[in-house]
Amino acid sequence: MDEAEAERERAAVVERIRDAAVGCFGAQGFGASVRSIATAAGVSPALVIHYFGSKDGLRAACDEHVLRSVRDTPAITGRSPADFLGGLTAAREAALVAYVVQALLAGGELATAFLADMIADVRRHLDHAEAQGQVRPSRDPAARARLLVLQNVGALLVHLRLNPPGDAGLVESVRALSETITLPALEIYTDGLLTERRLLDSYLRYVTDPPGQVPDT
């Protein structure tokens, strides 16, 4: 075996271990053992440590791979978090969906980066829609995008905690939430909730550092 072939074989083994780890972490949480990951990959635990140094090193490699895969999935741009994850599923990346959910539940750098990407994506979508006259202006567009993402992600995580995916799997659980919240969300976004603006006017009167103004509608 020449050096190039040996390197290809090594890279294939590393990728297989990483993909097995993504699946195990997504299914079992980040408490999944190195032994269970090695079994899923068809290698020895010692080989996992040889290539990744430690379980933390393996987790870091998985985080990097999942975040890169999410960023490279164009079909999810501008959608709600539930549809965002559903877009990964449509791309036949159910293991990534499970991993992202576990990361959001656990917190940490991947969750922070994932949320930051999602907020930036929603902000771009809203800015474009506003320019097209489809969305009302906001006094604080960045804060609006953050609120929408955090509300949706929070709803998703609460739903998954209270309704753990059963035999139907995570995909069906996410789809069930989407079906439950779509109508009230669209109703609130389209028609609004409050019938008068007293609370908003009071807040703007007393807020210490009021954001920029937008035309009244």
N, C-alpha and C. Protein backbone atom coordinates (compact mmCIF):
# COMPACT_ATOMS: atom_id res chain seq x y z
N MET A 1 0.85 -1.20 0.00
CA MET A 1 0.00 0.00 0.00
C MET A 1 0.89 1.25 0.00
N ASP A 2 0.67 2.15 -0.96
CA ASP A 2 1.51 3.34 -1.00
C ASP A 2 0.99 4.37 0.01
N GLU A 3 1.75 5.47 0.14
CA GLU A 3 1.43 6.47 1.16
C GLU A 3 0.09 7.15 0.91
N ALA A 4 -0.22 7.45 -0.34
CA ALA A 4 -1.49 8.11 -0.67
C ALA A 4 -2.67 7.21 -0.34
N GLU A 5 -2.56 5.94 -0.66
CA GLU A 5 -3.65 5.00 -0.37
C GLU A 5 -3.83 4.83 1.14
N ALA A 6 -2.71 4.80 1.85
CA ALA A 6 -2.78 4.68 3.31
C ALA A 6 -3.47 5.89 3.92
N GLU A 7 -3.20 7.07 3.38
CA GLU A 7 -3.83 8.29 3.89
C GLU A 7 -5.33 8.28 3.60
N ARG A 8 -5.73 7.81 2.43
CA ARG A 8 -7.15 7.72 2.11
C ARG A 8 -7.86 6.75 3.05
N GLU A 9 -7.20 5.65 3.34
CA GLU A 9 -7.79 4.67 4.25
C GLU A 9 -7.92 5.25 5.66
N ARG A 10 -6.88 5.96 6.09
CA ARG A 10 -6.94 6.59 7.41
C ARG A 10 -8.08 7.61 7.48
N ALA A 11 -8.20 8.44 6.43
CA ALA A 11 -9.25 9.45 6.39
C ALA A 11 -10.63 8.81 6.41
N ALA A 12 -10.79 7.68 5.73
CA ALA A 12 -12.08 6.99 5.70
C ALA A 12 -12.44 6.47 7.08
N VAL A 13 -11.44 5.94 7.81
CA VAL A 13 -11.69 5.44 9.16
C VAL A 13 -12.07 6.59 10.09
N VAL A 14 -11.34 7.69 10.00
CA VAL A 14 -11.63 8.87 10.83
C VAL A 14 -13.06 9.36 10.56
N GLU A 15 -13.45 9.43 9.30
CA GLU A 15 -14.79 9.88 8.94
C GLU A 15 -15.84 8.91 9.47
N ARG A 16 -15.56 7.62 9.38
CA ARG A 16 -16.52 6.63 9.88
C ARG A 16 -16.72 6.75 11.39
N ILE A 17 -15.63 6.94 12.10
CA ILE A 17 -15.73 7.13 13.55
C ILE A 17 -16.51 8.39 13.88
N ARG A 18 -16.19 9.49 13.18
CA ARG A 18 -16.88 10.76 13.42
C ARG A 18 -18.37 10.63 13.15
N ASP A 19 -18.75 10.02 12.05
CA ASP A 19 -20.16 9.87 11.71
C ASP A 19 -20.87 8.97 12.72
N ALA A 20 -20.18 7.93 13.18
CA ALA A 20 -20.77 7.07 14.21
C ALA A 20 -20.97 7.85 15.50
N ALA A 21 -20.02 8.72 15.82
CA ALA A 21 -20.13 9.53 17.03
C ALA A 21 -21.29 10.51 16.93
N VAL A 22 -21.46 11.15 15.76
CA VAL A 22 -22.60 12.05 15.56
C VAL A 22 -23.90 11.29 15.80
N GLY A 23 -24.01 10.09 15.26
CA GLY A 23 -25.22 9.29 15.46
C GLY A 23 -25.43 8.91 16.91
N CYS A 24 -24.37 8.49 17.59
CA CYS A 24 -24.50 8.08 18.99
C CYS A 24 -24.80 9.27 19.90
N PHE A 25 -24.09 10.38 19.69
CA PHE A 25 -24.36 11.56 20.50
C PHE A 25 -25.79 12.07 20.26
N GLY A 26 -26.24 12.02 19.02
CA GLY A 26 -27.58 12.46 18.72
C GLY A 26 -28.64 11.59 19.35
N ALA A 27 -28.41 10.28 19.37
CA ALA A 27 -29.39 9.34 19.91
C ALA A 27 -29.33 9.23 21.43
N GLN A 28 -28.12 9.28 22.00
CA GLN A 28 -27.95 9.01 23.43
C GLN A 28 -27.59 10.23 24.25
N GLY A 29 -27.31 11.36 23.60
CA GLY A 29 -26.79 12.51 24.31
C GLY A 29 -25.28 12.42 24.40
N PHE A 30 -24.67 13.45 24.99
CA PHE A 30 -23.21 13.52 25.00
C PHE A 30 -22.59 12.67 26.10
N GLY A 31 -23.42 11.92 26.80
CA GLY A 31 -22.90 10.94 27.74
C GLY A 31 -22.59 9.60 27.08
N ALA A 32 -22.86 9.49 25.76
CA ALA A 32 -22.55 8.26 25.04
C ALA A 32 -21.08 7.91 25.24
N SER A 33 -20.81 6.65 25.46
CA SER A 33 -19.44 6.22 25.78
C SER A 33 -18.61 6.04 24.52
N VAL A 34 -17.29 6.14 24.71
CA VAL A 34 -16.37 5.88 23.60
C VAL A 34 -16.54 4.45 23.11
N ARG A 35 -16.80 3.53 24.04
CA ARG A 35 -16.99 2.13 23.64
C ARG A 35 -18.19 1.97 22.72
N SER A 36 -19.31 2.63 23.05
CA SER A 36 -20.50 2.50 22.20
C SER A 36 -20.25 3.11 20.82
N ILE A 37 -19.51 4.20 20.79
CA ILE A 37 -19.17 4.84 19.51
C ILE A 37 -18.26 3.93 18.70
N ALA A 38 -17.27 3.35 19.36
CA ALA A 38 -16.36 2.43 18.67
C ALA A 38 -17.11 1.24 18.10
N THR A 39 -18.05 0.71 18.87
CA THR A 39 -18.86 -0.42 18.39
C THR A 39 -19.66 -0.03 17.15
N ALA A 40 -20.27 1.17 17.19
CA ALA A 40 -21.05 1.63 16.04
C ALA A 40 -20.17 1.83 14.81
N ALA A 41 -18.93 2.23 15.03
CA ALA A 41 -18.02 2.47 13.91
C ALA A 41 -17.30 1.20 13.46
N GLY A 42 -17.40 0.13 14.25
CA GLY A 42 -16.73 -1.11 13.90
C GLY A 42 -15.23 -1.06 14.13
N VAL A 43 -14.81 -0.29 15.15
CA VAL A 43 -13.38 -0.19 15.48
C VAL A 43 -13.22 -0.40 16.98
N SER A 44 -12.00 -0.38 17.45
CA SER A 44 -11.74 -0.52 18.88
C SER A 44 -11.76 0.84 19.56
N PRO A 45 -12.10 0.89 20.86
CA PRO A 45 -12.04 2.16 21.59
C PRO A 45 -10.64 2.80 21.52
N ALA A 46 -9.61 1.96 21.52
CA ALA A 46 -8.24 2.48 21.45
C ALA A 46 -8.00 3.23 20.15
N LEU A 47 -8.62 2.77 19.06
CA LEU A 47 -8.43 3.45 17.78
C LEU A 47 -9.12 4.81 17.78
N VAL A 48 -10.27 4.89 18.44
CA VAL A 48 -10.97 6.17 18.57
C VAL A 48 -10.06 7.18 19.27
N ILE A 49 -9.48 6.77 20.38
CA ILE A 49 -8.59 7.66 21.13
C ILE A 49 -7.34 7.97 20.33
N HIS A 50 -6.85 7.00 19.57
CA HIS A 50 -5.65 7.22 18.75
C HIS A 50 -5.87 8.36 17.76
N TYR A 51 -7.04 8.39 17.12
CA TYR A 51 -7.29 9.40 16.09
C TYR A 51 -7.77 10.73 16.66
N PHE A 52 -8.50 10.71 17.79
CA PHE A 52 -9.11 11.95 18.28
C PHE A 52 -8.53 12.42 19.61
N GLY A 53 -7.69 11.62 20.21
CA GLY A 53 -7.03 12.04 21.44
C GLY A 53 -7.82 11.80 22.71
N SER A 54 -9.10 12.10 22.67
CA SER A 54 -9.98 11.94 23.83
C SER A 54 -11.43 12.04 23.36
N LYS A 55 -12.33 11.77 24.26
CA LYS A 55 -13.75 11.93 23.93
C LYS A 55 -14.06 13.40 23.64
N ASP A 56 -13.42 14.31 24.39
CA ASP A 56 -13.63 15.73 24.14
C ASP A 56 -13.13 16.12 22.74
N GLY A 57 -12.02 15.53 22.33
CA GLY A 57 -11.51 15.79 20.99
C GLY A 57 -12.45 15.29 19.92
N LEU A 58 -13.05 14.13 20.17
CA LEU A 58 -14.03 13.59 19.24
C LEU A 58 -15.27 14.48 19.18
N ARG A 59 -15.72 14.96 20.32
CA ARG A 59 -16.88 15.85 20.37
C ARG A 59 -16.59 17.14 19.59
N ALA A 60 -15.37 17.67 19.74
CA ALA A 60 -15.01 18.89 19.02
C ALA A 60 -15.04 18.66 17.51
N ALA A 61 -14.56 17.51 17.07
CA ALA A 61 -14.58 17.19 15.64
C ALA A 61 -16.01 17.07 15.14
N CYS A 62 -16.88 16.48 15.96
CA CYS A 62 -18.29 16.34 15.58
C CYS A 62 -18.96 17.70 15.51
N ASP A 63 -18.68 18.57 16.49
CA ASP A 63 -19.24 19.92 16.48
C ASP A 63 -18.87 20.65 15.19
N GLU A 64 -17.61 20.59 14.84
CA GLU A 64 -17.13 21.28 13.64
C GLU A 64 -17.82 20.74 12.39
N HIS A 65 -17.94 19.43 12.31
CA HIS A 65 -18.57 18.80 11.15
C HIS A 65 -20.05 19.18 11.05
N VAL A 66 -20.77 19.12 12.17
CA VAL A 66 -22.20 19.42 12.15
C VAL A 66 -22.44 20.88 11.81
N LEU A 67 -21.68 21.78 12.40
CA LEU A 67 -21.87 23.20 12.13
C LEU A 67 -21.59 23.51 10.66
N ARG A 68 -20.53 22.92 10.12
CA ARG A 68 -20.21 23.13 8.71
C ARG A 68 -21.32 22.58 7.81
N SER A 69 -21.86 21.42 8.17
CA SER A 69 -22.93 20.81 7.38
C SER A 69 -24.18 21.66 7.41
N VAL A 70 -24.51 22.20 8.59
CA VAL A 70 -25.69 23.06 8.72
C VAL A 70 -25.53 24.31 7.86
N ARG A 71 -24.34 24.91 7.93
CA ARG A 71 -24.10 26.14 7.16
C ARG A 71 -24.13 25.89 5.66
N ASP A 72 -23.82 24.68 5.26
CA ASP A 72 -23.76 24.35 3.84
C ASP A 72 -25.08 23.82 3.30
N THR A 73 -26.17 23.85 4.11
CA THR A 73 -27.46 23.33 3.67
C THR A 73 -28.33 24.49 3.22
N PRO A 74 -28.44 24.78 1.91
CA PRO A 74 -29.13 25.97 1.44
C PRO A 74 -30.64 25.91 1.59
N ALA A 75 -31.21 24.74 1.67
CA ALA A 75 -32.67 24.61 1.66
C ALA A 75 -33.33 25.15 2.92
N ILE A 76 -32.54 25.46 3.96
CA ILE A 76 -33.14 25.84 5.23
C ILE A 76 -33.13 27.35 5.45
N THR A 77 -32.64 28.10 4.50
CA THR A 77 -32.49 29.53 4.69
C THR A 77 -33.83 30.22 4.93
N GLY A 78 -33.89 31.03 6.00
CA GLY A 78 -35.03 31.90 6.23
C GLY A 78 -36.25 31.23 6.82
N ARG A 79 -36.12 29.99 7.29
CA ARG A 79 -37.28 29.31 7.83
C ARG A 79 -37.28 29.36 9.36
N SER A 80 -38.39 28.91 9.96
CA SER A 80 -38.45 28.85 11.40
C SER A 80 -37.52 27.75 11.90
N PRO A 81 -37.14 27.77 13.20
CA PRO A 81 -36.26 26.71 13.69
C PRO A 81 -36.80 25.31 13.47
N ALA A 82 -38.10 25.10 13.64
CA ALA A 82 -38.64 23.76 13.40
C ALA A 82 -38.46 23.36 11.94
N ASP A 83 -38.74 24.29 11.03
CA ASP A 83 -38.54 24.01 9.60
C ASP A 83 -37.05 23.95 9.26
N PHE A 84 -36.25 24.74 10.01
CA PHE A 84 -34.81 24.72 9.81
C PHE A 84 -34.28 23.30 10.03
N LEU A 85 -34.68 22.69 11.13
CA LEU A 85 -34.27 21.31 11.40
C LEU A 85 -34.92 20.35 10.43
N GLY A 86 -36.17 20.64 10.06
CA GLY A 86 -36.83 19.80 9.08
C GLY A 86 -36.13 19.82 7.74
N GLY A 87 -35.52 20.98 7.41
CA GLY A 87 -34.77 21.08 6.17
C GLY A 87 -33.59 20.14 6.14
N LEU A 88 -32.93 19.98 7.27
CA LEU A 88 -31.84 19.02 7.35
C LEU A 88 -32.36 17.60 7.14
N THR A 89 -33.51 17.32 7.70
CA THR A 89 -34.10 16.00 7.54
C THR A 89 -34.42 15.74 6.08
N ALA A 90 -34.97 16.76 5.40
CA ALA A 90 -35.29 16.62 3.98
C ALA A 90 -34.04 16.32 3.17
N ALA A 91 -32.90 16.81 3.68
CA ALA A 91 -31.63 16.54 3.03
C ALA A 91 -31.05 15.19 3.48
N ARG A 92 -31.87 14.39 4.11
CA ARG A 92 -31.49 13.07 4.60
C ARG A 92 -30.32 13.13 5.58
N GLU A 93 -30.44 14.13 6.48
CA GLU A 93 -29.42 14.30 7.49
C GLU A 93 -30.06 14.23 8.87
N ALA A 94 -30.87 13.20 9.10
CA ALA A 94 -31.58 13.08 10.37
C ALA A 94 -30.63 13.01 11.54
N ALA A 95 -29.46 12.42 11.36
CA ALA A 95 -28.48 12.34 12.44
C ALA A 95 -28.02 13.73 12.85
N LEU A 96 -27.91 14.64 11.88
CA LEU A 96 -27.53 16.01 12.20
C LEU A 96 -28.62 16.71 13.01
N VAL A 97 -29.87 16.45 12.67
CA VAL A 97 -30.99 17.04 13.40
C VAL A 97 -30.90 16.64 14.87
N ALA A 98 -30.73 15.34 15.10
CA ALA A 98 -30.67 14.84 16.47
C ALA A 98 -29.48 15.44 17.21
N TYR A 99 -28.36 15.57 16.53
CA TYR A 99 -27.16 16.12 17.16
C TYR A 99 -27.37 17.59 17.52
N VAL A 100 -27.95 18.36 16.60
CA VAL A 100 -28.20 19.78 16.87
C VAL A 100 -29.13 19.94 18.06
N VAL A 101 -30.17 19.12 18.13
CA VAL A 101 -31.10 19.21 19.26
C VAL A 101 -30.37 18.91 20.57
N GLN A 102 -29.54 17.87 20.58
CA GLN A 102 -28.77 17.56 21.78
C GLN A 102 -27.85 18.71 22.15
N ALA A 103 -27.24 19.33 21.15
CA ALA A 103 -26.33 20.46 21.41
C ALA A 103 -27.09 21.64 22.00
N LEU A 104 -28.28 21.91 21.48
CA LEU A 104 -29.08 23.01 22.01
C LEU A 104 -29.51 22.72 23.44
N LEU A 105 -29.84 21.48 23.74
CA LEU A 105 -30.22 21.10 25.10
C LEU A 105 -29.04 21.21 26.05
N ALA A 106 -27.85 20.86 25.55
CA ALA A 106 -26.67 20.84 26.41
C ALA A 106 -26.02 22.21 26.54
N GLY A 107 -26.23 23.11 25.57
CA GLY A 107 -25.55 24.38 25.56
C GLY A 107 -24.12 24.22 25.06
N GLY A 108 -23.32 25.26 25.20
CA GLY A 108 -21.94 25.18 24.78
C GLY A 108 -21.68 25.93 23.48
N GLU A 109 -20.47 25.76 22.95
CA GLU A 109 -20.03 26.55 21.80
C GLU A 109 -20.84 26.27 20.54
N LEU A 110 -21.18 24.99 20.29
CA LEU A 110 -21.95 24.69 19.09
C LEU A 110 -23.33 25.31 19.15
N ALA A 111 -23.98 25.21 20.31
CA ALA A 111 -25.31 25.81 20.46
C ALA A 111 -25.24 27.32 20.23
N THR A 112 -24.21 27.96 20.78
CA THR A 112 -24.04 29.40 20.61
C THR A 112 -23.84 29.77 19.13
N ALA A 113 -22.97 29.02 18.46
CA ALA A 113 -22.70 29.29 17.04
C ALA A 113 -23.93 29.01 16.19
N PHE A 114 -24.64 27.93 16.49
CA PHE A 114 -25.82 27.56 15.72
C PHE A 114 -26.90 28.64 15.85
N LEU A 115 -27.13 29.11 17.08
CA LEU A 115 -28.13 30.15 17.29
C LEU A 115 -27.71 31.46 16.62
N ALA A 116 -26.43 31.79 16.70
CA ALA A 116 -25.96 33.03 16.05
C ALA A 116 -26.17 32.96 14.55
N ASP A 117 -25.88 31.80 13.95
CA ASP A 117 -26.10 31.65 12.51
C ASP A 117 -27.58 31.77 12.17
N MET A 118 -28.42 31.15 12.99
CA MET A 118 -29.86 31.18 12.71
C MET A 118 -30.41 32.61 12.84
N ILE A 119 -29.96 33.33 13.86
CA ILE A 119 -30.42 34.71 14.05
C ILE A 119 -30.00 35.57 12.87
N ALA A 120 -28.75 35.42 12.43
CA ALA A 120 -28.27 36.19 11.28
C ALA A 120 -29.05 35.84 10.02
N ASP A 121 -29.40 34.57 9.86
CA ASP A 121 -30.15 34.14 8.69
C ASP A 121 -31.56 34.72 8.70
N VAL A 122 -32.22 34.68 9.85
CA VAL A 122 -33.56 35.24 9.98
C VAL A 122 -33.52 36.75 9.76
N ARG A 123 -32.48 37.40 10.27
CA ARG A 123 -32.35 38.86 10.06
C ARG A 123 -32.26 39.18 8.58
N ARG A 124 -31.45 38.42 7.83
CA ARG A 124 -31.34 38.66 6.38
C ARG A 124 -32.69 38.44 5.70
N HIS A 125 -33.38 37.40 6.10
CA HIS A 125 -34.69 37.10 5.51
C HIS A 125 -35.67 38.23 5.78
N LEU A 126 -35.70 38.72 7.03
CA LEU A 126 -36.63 39.80 7.38
C LEU A 126 -36.27 41.10 6.67
N ASP A 127 -34.97 41.39 6.58
CA ASP A 127 -34.56 42.61 5.88
C ASP A 127 -35.02 42.57 4.42
N HIS A 128 -34.86 41.41 3.79
CA HIS A 128 -35.28 41.27 2.40
C HIS A 128 -36.80 41.41 2.29
N ALA A 129 -37.52 40.76 3.20
CA ALA A 129 -38.98 40.83 3.16
C ALA A 129 -39.47 42.25 3.42
N GLU A 130 -38.77 42.96 4.31
CA GLU A 130 -39.14 44.35 4.58
C GLU A 130 -38.94 45.22 3.35
N ALA A 131 -37.83 44.98 2.66
CA ALA A 131 -37.55 45.75 1.43
C ALA A 131 -38.59 45.48 0.36
N GLN A 132 -39.17 44.27 0.39
CA GLN A 132 -40.20 43.90 -0.58
C GLN A 132 -41.60 44.32 -0.14
N GLY A 133 -41.70 44.94 1.04
CA GLY A 133 -42.99 45.37 1.55
C GLY A 133 -43.83 44.24 2.15
N GLN A 134 -43.19 43.12 2.47
CA GLN A 134 -43.92 41.97 3.02
C GLN A 134 -43.91 41.93 4.54
N VAL A 135 -43.01 42.68 5.16
CA VAL A 135 -42.85 42.69 6.61
C VAL A 135 -42.80 44.13 7.08
N ARG A 136 -43.43 44.41 8.20
CA ARG A 136 -43.42 45.77 8.73
C ARG A 136 -42.01 46.12 9.25
N PRO A 137 -41.66 47.42 9.21
CA PRO A 137 -40.37 47.85 9.77
C PRO A 137 -40.31 47.61 11.27
N SER A 138 -39.11 47.53 11.81
CA SER A 138 -38.91 47.34 13.24
C SER A 138 -38.02 48.44 13.78
N ARG A 139 -38.25 48.84 15.02
CA ARG A 139 -37.37 49.80 15.67
C ARG A 139 -35.99 49.19 15.94
N ASP A 140 -35.96 47.88 16.07
CA ASP A 140 -34.69 47.19 16.36
C ASP A 140 -34.70 45.85 15.61
N PRO A 141 -34.32 45.86 14.33
CA PRO A 141 -34.39 44.63 13.52
C PRO A 141 -33.59 43.47 14.09
N ALA A 142 -32.42 43.75 14.67
CA ALA A 142 -31.60 42.67 15.23
C ALA A 142 -32.30 42.02 16.42
N ALA A 143 -32.89 42.85 17.28
CA ALA A 143 -33.59 42.31 18.45
C ALA A 143 -34.83 41.51 18.02
N ARG A 144 -35.50 41.97 16.97
CA ARG A 144 -36.66 41.24 16.48
C ARG A 144 -36.27 39.86 15.97
N ALA A 145 -35.19 39.78 15.20
CA ALA A 145 -34.74 38.48 14.70
C ALA A 145 -34.37 37.56 15.84
N ARG A 146 -33.67 38.10 16.84
CA ARG A 146 -33.28 37.28 18.00
C ARG A 146 -34.51 36.76 18.74
N LEU A 147 -35.49 37.62 18.94
CA LEU A 147 -36.71 37.20 19.65
C LEU A 147 -37.40 36.06 18.91
N LEU A 148 -37.56 36.19 17.60
CA LEU A 148 -38.25 35.16 16.84
C LEU A 148 -37.52 33.82 16.94
N VAL A 149 -36.19 33.85 16.84
CA VAL A 149 -35.43 32.61 16.92
C VAL A 149 -35.52 32.00 18.32
N LEU A 150 -35.30 32.82 19.35
CA LEU A 150 -35.32 32.28 20.70
C LEU A 150 -36.69 31.75 21.09
N GLN A 151 -37.74 32.42 20.66
CA GLN A 151 -39.10 31.92 20.93
C GLN A 151 -39.31 30.56 20.28
N ASN A 152 -38.91 30.44 19.03
CA ASN A 152 -39.14 29.19 18.32
C ASN A 152 -38.25 28.06 18.83
N VAL A 153 -36.99 28.37 19.09
CA VAL A 153 -36.09 27.34 19.62
C VAL A 153 -36.55 26.92 21.01
N GLY A 154 -36.95 27.90 21.83
CA GLY A 154 -37.44 27.57 23.16
C GLY A 154 -38.66 26.65 23.10
N ALA A 155 -39.59 26.97 22.21
CA ALA A 155 -40.78 26.13 22.05
C ALA A 155 -40.39 24.72 21.62
N LEU A 156 -39.43 24.64 20.70
CA LEU A 156 -38.99 23.34 20.21
C LEU A 156 -38.37 22.50 21.32
N LEU A 157 -37.49 23.11 22.11
CA LEU A 157 -36.81 22.35 23.16
C LEU A 157 -37.77 21.94 24.27
N VAL A 158 -38.69 22.82 24.63
CA VAL A 158 -39.71 22.45 25.63
C VAL A 158 -40.56 21.30 25.11
N HIS A 159 -40.96 21.40 23.85
CA HIS A 159 -41.77 20.34 23.25
C HIS A 159 -41.05 18.99 23.30
N LEU A 160 -39.77 19.00 22.97
CA LEU A 160 -39.02 17.74 22.94
C LEU A 160 -38.77 17.20 24.35
N ARG A 161 -38.64 18.10 25.33
CA ARG A 161 -38.49 17.64 26.71
C ARG A 161 -39.77 17.02 27.24
N LEU A 162 -40.90 17.66 26.92
CA LEU A 162 -42.19 17.17 27.42
C LEU A 162 -42.72 16.00 26.59
N ASN A 163 -42.30 15.93 25.34
CA ASN A 163 -42.76 14.87 24.45
C ASN A 163 -41.56 14.20 23.80
N PRO A 164 -40.82 13.40 24.56
CA PRO A 164 -39.62 12.75 24.00
C PRO A 164 -39.98 11.93 22.77
N PRO A 165 -39.18 12.01 21.72
CA PRO A 165 -39.47 11.24 20.52
C PRO A 165 -39.58 9.75 20.83
N GLY A 166 -40.64 9.13 20.37
CA GLY A 166 -40.82 7.70 20.57
C GLY A 166 -40.33 6.92 19.38
N ASP A 167 -41.05 5.84 19.09
CA ASP A 167 -40.65 4.99 17.98
C ASP A 167 -40.70 5.72 16.64
N ALA A 168 -41.57 6.75 16.56
CA ALA A 168 -41.69 7.49 15.30
C ALA A 168 -40.45 8.33 15.02
N GLY A 169 -39.69 8.66 16.08
CA GLY A 169 -38.43 9.36 15.89
C GLY A 169 -38.54 10.87 16.00
N LEU A 170 -37.39 11.50 15.99
CA LEU A 170 -37.29 12.94 16.17
C LEU A 170 -37.96 13.71 15.05
N VAL A 171 -37.85 13.23 13.84
CA VAL A 171 -38.43 13.93 12.69
C VAL A 171 -39.93 14.11 12.88
N GLU A 172 -40.62 13.06 13.28
CA GLU A 172 -42.07 13.15 13.47
C GLU A 172 -42.41 14.06 14.63
N SER A 173 -41.56 14.07 15.66
CA SER A 173 -41.81 14.94 16.80
C SER A 173 -41.70 16.40 16.40
N VAL A 174 -40.69 16.74 15.60
CA VAL A 174 -40.53 18.11 15.11
C VAL A 174 -41.70 18.49 14.21
N ARG A 175 -42.12 17.56 13.36
CA ARG A 175 -43.25 17.83 12.46
C ARG A 175 -44.53 18.07 13.26
N ALA A 176 -44.73 17.32 14.35
CA ALA A 176 -45.92 17.50 15.18
C ALA A 176 -45.95 18.89 15.79
N LEU A 177 -44.80 19.37 16.25
CA LEU A 177 -44.75 20.72 16.81
C LEU A 177 -45.08 21.75 15.74
N SER A 178 -44.51 21.59 14.56
CA SER A 178 -44.76 22.54 13.48
C SER A 178 -46.25 22.62 13.16
N GLU A 179 -46.91 21.48 13.12
CA GLU A 179 -48.34 21.47 12.84
C GLU A 179 -49.14 22.16 13.94
N THR A 180 -48.65 22.08 15.17
CA THR A 180 -49.36 22.67 16.31
C THR A 180 -49.23 24.18 16.35
N ILE A 181 -48.06 24.70 16.00
CA ILE A 181 -47.81 26.13 16.19
C ILE A 181 -47.98 26.98 14.94
N THR A 182 -48.10 26.36 13.78
CA THR A 182 -48.11 27.16 12.54
C THR A 182 -49.29 28.13 12.48
N LEU A 183 -50.50 27.66 12.75
CA LEU A 183 -51.67 28.54 12.66
C LEU A 183 -51.60 29.70 13.64
N PRO A 184 -51.41 29.46 14.95
CA PRO A 184 -51.36 30.62 15.86
C PRO A 184 -50.19 31.54 15.56
N ALA A 185 -49.05 30.99 15.11
CA ALA A 185 -47.91 31.84 14.79
C ALA A 185 -48.23 32.75 13.61
N LEU A 186 -48.78 32.18 12.54
CA LEU A 186 -49.14 32.99 11.38
C LEU A 186 -50.21 34.02 11.73
N GLU A 187 -51.14 33.64 12.57
CA GLU A 187 -52.20 34.56 12.98
C GLU A 187 -51.61 35.75 13.73
N ILE A 188 -50.71 35.48 14.67
CA ILE A 188 -50.09 36.57 15.44
C ILE A 188 -49.22 37.43 14.53
N TYR A 189 -48.42 36.78 13.67
CA TYR A 189 -47.54 37.54 12.79
C TYR A 189 -48.32 38.38 11.79
N THR A 190 -49.47 37.89 11.34
CA THR A 190 -50.23 38.58 10.30
C THR A 190 -51.18 39.63 10.87
N ASP A 191 -51.95 39.24 11.90
CA ASP A 191 -52.99 40.13 12.42
C ASP A 191 -52.58 40.89 13.67
N GLY A 192 -51.51 40.47 14.32
CA GLY A 192 -51.11 41.09 15.57
C GLY A 192 -51.88 40.49 16.74
N LEU A 193 -51.52 40.92 17.96
CA LEU A 193 -52.14 40.37 19.17
C LEU A 193 -52.90 41.44 19.95
N LEU A 194 -52.30 42.57 20.17
CA LEU A 194 -52.93 43.62 20.96
C LEU A 194 -53.83 44.49 20.08
N THR A 195 -54.90 44.97 20.68
CA THR A 195 -55.86 45.79 19.91
C THR A 195 -55.54 47.27 19.98
N GLU A 196 -54.66 47.67 20.89
CA GLU A 196 -54.25 49.07 20.97
C GLU A 196 -52.79 49.11 21.40
N ARG A 197 -52.17 50.31 21.34
CA ARG A 197 -50.73 50.43 21.48
C ARG A 197 -50.29 51.05 22.81
N ARG A 198 -51.14 51.01 23.84
CA ARG A 198 -50.82 51.66 25.11
C ARG A 198 -49.54 51.10 25.74
N LEU A 199 -49.37 49.78 25.73
CA LEU A 199 -48.20 49.18 26.35
C LEU A 199 -46.92 49.57 25.62
N LEU A 200 -46.96 49.56 24.30
CA LEU A 200 -45.78 49.96 23.53
C LEU A 200 -45.44 51.42 23.78
N ASP A 201 -46.44 52.29 23.74
CA ASP A 201 -46.17 53.71 23.96
C ASP A 201 -45.59 53.96 25.35
N SER A 202 -46.11 53.25 26.35
CA SER A 202 -45.60 53.40 27.72
C SER A 202 -44.15 52.94 27.80
N TYR A 203 -43.84 51.84 27.15
CA TYR A 203 -42.47 51.33 27.16
C TYR A 203 -41.52 52.32 26.49
N LEU A 204 -41.92 52.83 25.34
CA LEU A 204 -41.06 53.76 24.62
C LEU A 204 -40.87 55.07 25.38
N ARG A 205 -41.83 55.42 26.22
CA ARG A 205 -41.74 56.67 26.98
C ARG A 205 -40.72 56.56 28.10
N TYR A 206 -40.63 55.36 28.68
CA TYR A 206 -39.79 55.22 29.88
C TYR A 206 -38.52 54.42 29.66
N VAL A 207 -38.34 53.82 28.50
CA VAL A 207 -37.12 53.06 28.26
C VAL A 207 -35.92 54.01 28.29
N THR A 208 -34.81 53.55 28.90
CA THR A 208 -33.64 54.41 29.10
C THR A 208 -33.00 54.84 27.79
N ASP A 209 -32.85 53.87 26.88
CA ASP A 209 -32.17 54.15 25.62
C ASP A 209 -33.05 53.68 24.48
N PRO A 210 -34.06 54.47 24.11
CA PRO A 210 -35.03 54.00 23.11
C PRO A 210 -34.38 53.76 21.77
N PRO A 211 -34.73 52.67 21.12
CA PRO A 211 -34.21 52.40 19.77
C PRO A 211 -34.78 53.37 18.77
N GLY A 212 -34.33 53.24 17.51
CA GLY A 212 -34.80 54.14 16.46
C GLY A 212 -36.27 54.02 16.19
N GLN A 213 -36.82 55.05 15.63
CA GLN A 213 -38.26 55.07 15.34
C GLN A 213 -38.55 54.50 13.96
N VAL A 214 -39.74 53.95 13.81
CA VAL A 214 -40.23 53.53 12.52
C VAL A 214 -41.59 54.17 12.31
N PRO A 215 -42.03 54.27 11.07
CA PRO A 215 -43.32 54.90 10.84
C PRO A 215 -44.46 54.16 11.55
N ASP A 216 -45.39 54.89 12.11
CA ASP A 216 -46.57 54.27 12.71
C ASP A 216 -47.43 53.66 11.63
N THR A 217 -48.09 52.53 11.96
CA THR A 217 -48.96 51.88 11.00
C THR A 217 -50.32 51.66 11.64
